[in-house]
Each structure stands twice: as structure tokens, then as C-alpha cells.
Protein backbone atom coordinates (compact mmCIF):
# COMPACT_ATOMS: atom_id res chain seq x y z
CA MET A 1 0.00 0.00 0.00
CA VAL A 2 1.20 3.48 -0.83
CA GLY A 3 1.46 6.07 1.92
CA PRO A 4 0.80 9.81 1.71
CA MET A 5 3.17 12.08 -0.20
CA SER A 6 5.95 13.71 1.76
CA ASP A 7 6.42 17.48 1.69
CA ASP A 8 9.55 17.06 -0.45
CA GLU A 9 7.66 14.99 -3.01
CA ARG A 10 4.86 17.54 -3.08
CA ARG A 11 7.29 20.46 -3.59
CA SER A 12 9.07 18.53 -6.33
CA GLY A 13 5.75 17.90 -8.07
CA TYR A 14 4.77 21.55 -7.86
CA ARG A 15 8.15 22.55 -9.32
CA ARG A 16 7.68 20.15 -12.23
CA ILE A 17 4.17 21.42 -12.92
CA GLY A 18 5.40 25.02 -12.75
CA ALA A 19 8.30 24.32 -15.11
CA GLY A 20 5.93 22.58 -17.51
CA PHE A 21 3.55 25.54 -17.40
CA VAL A 22 6.34 28.03 -18.11
CA GLY A 23 7.70 25.83 -20.90
CA ILE A 24 4.31 25.50 -22.56
CA VAL A 25 3.74 29.28 -22.47
CA GLY A 26 7.19 29.93 -23.98
CA LEU A 27 6.85 27.22 -26.61
CA SER A 28 3.40 28.44 -27.52
CA ALA A 29 4.68 31.98 -28.02
CA GLY A 30 7.54 30.81 -30.23
CA MET A 31 5.35 28.52 -32.33
CA THR A 32 2.78 31.28 -32.79
CA ALA A 33 5.51 33.62 -34.00
CA LEU A 34 6.75 30.98 -36.45
CA SER A 35 3.27 30.39 -37.80
CA GLY A 36 2.94 34.14 -38.30
CA GLY A 37 6.01 34.23 -40.54
CA ALA A 38 8.75 35.21 -38.11
CA THR A 39 12.35 34.16 -38.66
CA LEU A 40 13.97 31.65 -36.31
CA VAL A 41 15.81 34.44 -34.50
CA GLN A 42 12.59 36.40 -34.02
CA ALA A 43 10.73 33.28 -32.90
CA GLY A 44 13.51 32.53 -30.42
CA ALA A 45 13.30 36.04 -29.01
CA VAL A 46 9.52 35.72 -28.72
CA ALA A 47 9.92 32.33 -27.01
CA VAL A 48 12.30 33.86 -24.45
CA GLY A 49 9.78 36.65 -23.89
CA GLY A 50 7.06 34.01 -23.55
CA ILE A 51 9.10 32.21 -20.90
CA ALA A 52 9.43 35.50 -18.99
CA VAL A 53 5.67 36.01 -19.23
CA GLY A 54 5.14 32.42 -18.10
CA VAL A 55 7.28 33.00 -15.03
CA LEU A 56 5.29 36.14 -14.20
CA LEU A 57 2.02 34.24 -14.66
CA LEU A 58 3.27 31.44 -12.44
CA PHE A 59 4.21 33.87 -9.68
CA TYR A 60 0.80 35.51 -10.00
CA LEU A 61 -0.97 32.16 -9.73
CA ILE A 62 1.12 31.11 -6.74
CA SER A 63 0.60 34.41 -4.93
CA SER A 64 -3.17 34.37 -5.47
CA MET A 65 -3.56 31.00 -3.73
């Protein structure tokens, strides 16, 4: 039988979910730029900006809990 999650396991899970959320936001921004006709350099810059926005969104979501 499996016992309850430890605090370390829970924190690790939250970190993985947060990293996945930030990655999806950044990847989405880059792919949207590419589909709009941007060059690879422009899409990369947009993806980095999307990652920054994802981090800000994550902090907002965490602070509103």
C-alpha cells in the first residue's frame, strides 16, 4: 500500500508542474511567431519573452492561492 506524499515529493511535483507551465507558455509563443512568418531568431526572441511572461504568470498564480 502506498502512503501519503511527503512534503519534499509535493514540492518537487509543484516545481515540475510550474516548469511545464512556463515551458508551454514559452513554446506556444515561439510557435505562434513561427506560424505568423517570423524568422527563427525572431521566434527565439519571442519564445524567451514568452518564458518570462510564463514565469510572471506562475508567480501571480502562486501568490493568489
